[in-house]
Amino acid sequence: MKNTNRTRPLGFLFLFCFIPLWTFSQVITIKGVVKDTNGEELIGVNVLQVGTSIGTITDINGNYTLQAKSDAKLNFSFVGYTTQTVLVSGRTIINITLKENAKILDDVVVV
């Protein structure tokens, strides 16, 4: 008796065609804490995936959670601090220390 079931080889071919797509577009959950140079947690820091509108802000303890591509870049910005851009590179935990931007603080005019 001859086997005429051709769905199995086609199924494997279909599966192997999409494996490269899965590896390049993996979305991962990234968590971390944002602090200042004194070790204090910063509340309300903007965390944004570069080139998208995907983002979040840090909570009262400086924690954030964000779903982004494993090869994404994240921007961390906060008023009075230097914006920092970090490459995710597949990491799931990214803790950041933001430095004060003295130039911005000097330019603030008090009325």
Protein backbone atom coordinates (compact mmCIF):
# COMPACT_ATOMS: atom_id res chain seq x y z
CA MET A 1 0.00 0.00 0.00
CA LYS A 2 1.41 3.34 -1.04
CA ASN A 3 1.40 6.30 1.40
CA THR A 4 -0.13 9.35 -0.31
CA ASN A 5 -0.23 11.57 2.79
CA ARG A 6 1.64 14.71 1.70
CA THR A 7 0.45 17.02 4.46
CA ARG A 8 3.23 16.16 6.90
CA PRO A 9 6.14 17.31 4.66
CA LEU A 10 4.20 20.43 3.66
CA GLY A 11 3.49 21.17 7.31
CA PHE A 12 7.19 21.02 8.18
CA LEU A 13 8.06 23.21 5.20
CA PHE A 14 5.46 25.76 6.29
CA LEU A 15 6.81 25.70 9.86
CA PHE A 16 10.44 26.20 8.80
CA CYS A 17 9.52 29.15 6.57
CA PHE A 18 8.25 31.15 9.56
CA ILE A 19 10.98 30.39 12.10
CA PRO A 20 13.16 33.32 10.89
CA LEU A 21 10.21 35.68 11.33
CA TRP A 22 9.71 34.55 14.92
CA THR A 23 13.34 35.12 15.86
CA PHE A 24 13.52 38.64 14.42
CA SER A 25 10.26 39.97 15.78
CA GLN A 26 10.19 38.56 19.30
CA VAL A 27 8.38 40.75 21.77
CA ILE A 28 9.69 40.42 25.31
CA THR A 29 8.73 41.90 28.66
CA ILE A 30 11.36 44.29 29.98
CA LYS A 31 11.42 45.36 33.63
CA GLY A 32 13.70 47.57 35.63
CA VAL A 33 14.23 50.42 38.06
CA VAL A 34 15.24 53.98 37.23
CA LYS A 35 17.28 55.85 39.84
CA ASP A 36 19.24 59.08 40.07
CA THR A 37 22.96 59.31 40.87
CA ASN A 38 22.15 59.40 44.61
CA GLY A 39 20.37 56.04 44.39
CA GLU A 40 16.89 57.53 44.77
CA GLU A 41 14.10 56.04 42.67
CA LEU A 42 12.65 58.44 40.11
CA ILE A 43 8.86 58.67 39.75
CA GLY A 44 7.33 59.44 36.35
CA VAL A 45 10.32 58.79 34.08
CA ASN A 46 9.24 58.31 30.45
CA VAL A 47 10.34 54.98 28.96
CA LEU A 48 9.73 54.84 25.21
CA GLN A 49 10.63 52.33 22.50
CA VAL A 50 12.45 54.38 19.84
CA GLY A 51 10.50 54.77 16.60
CA THR A 52 7.15 53.72 18.09
CA SER A 53 4.48 55.04 20.40
CA ILE A 54 5.01 52.12 22.82
CA GLY A 55 5.97 53.41 26.22
CA THR A 56 5.27 53.68 29.92
CA ILE A 57 6.30 55.71 32.98
CA THR A 58 7.93 54.61 36.21
CA ASP A 59 5.81 54.09 39.30
CA ILE A 60 6.28 55.45 42.83
CA ASN A 61 9.22 53.08 43.40
CA GLY A 62 10.93 53.86 40.08
CA ASN A 63 9.81 50.52 38.57
CA TYR A 64 8.66 50.09 34.98
CA THR A 65 7.43 47.21 32.81
CA LEU A 66 7.29 47.39 29.04
CA GLN A 67 6.67 44.97 26.17
CA ALA A 68 9.10 45.69 23.32
CA LYS A 69 11.03 43.96 20.57
CA SER A 70 14.16 42.13 21.70
CA ASP A 71 16.29 44.28 19.37
CA ALA A 72 14.65 47.60 20.29
CA LYS A 73 16.19 50.78 21.67
CA LEU A 74 14.63 52.39 24.74
CA ASN A 75 14.72 56.10 25.57
CA PHE A 76 14.64 57.10 29.25
CA SER A 77 13.78 60.77 29.76
CA PHE A 78 12.87 62.96 32.72
CA VAL A 79 12.80 66.73 33.20
CA GLY A 80 16.13 67.99 34.55
CA TYR A 81 17.98 64.78 33.60
CA THR A 82 19.98 63.77 30.53
CA THR A 83 18.02 61.48 28.19
CA GLN A 84 19.57 58.04 27.94
CA THR A 85 19.12 55.57 25.06
CA VAL A 86 19.75 51.88 25.72
CA LEU A 87 19.84 48.91 23.33
CA VAL A 88 17.72 46.04 24.69
CA SER A 89 19.74 43.21 23.05
CA GLY A 90 17.34 40.57 24.36
CA ARG A 91 17.72 41.58 28.03
CA THR A 92 14.63 41.37 30.23
CA ILE A 93 15.96 43.45 33.14
CA ILE A 94 17.39 46.91 32.45
CA ASN A 95 18.15 49.15 35.43
CA ILE A 96 19.10 52.74 34.64
CA THR A 97 20.79 55.58 36.50
CA LEU A 98 19.94 59.01 35.08
CA LYS A 99 22.33 61.92 35.53
CA GLU A 100 21.18 65.45 36.26
CA ASN A 101 21.49 67.87 33.37
CA ALA A 102 22.92 70.98 35.01
CA LYS A 103 22.58 73.06 31.82
CA ILE A 104 18.81 72.55 31.73
CA LEU A 105 18.54 73.41 35.41
CA ASP A 106 20.57 76.62 34.88
CA ASP A 107 18.28 77.69 32.02
CA VAL A 108 15.13 77.55 34.17
CA VAL A 109 13.82 81.04 34.83
CA VAL A 110 12.10 81.61 38.16
CA VAL A 111 9.31 84.20 38.06
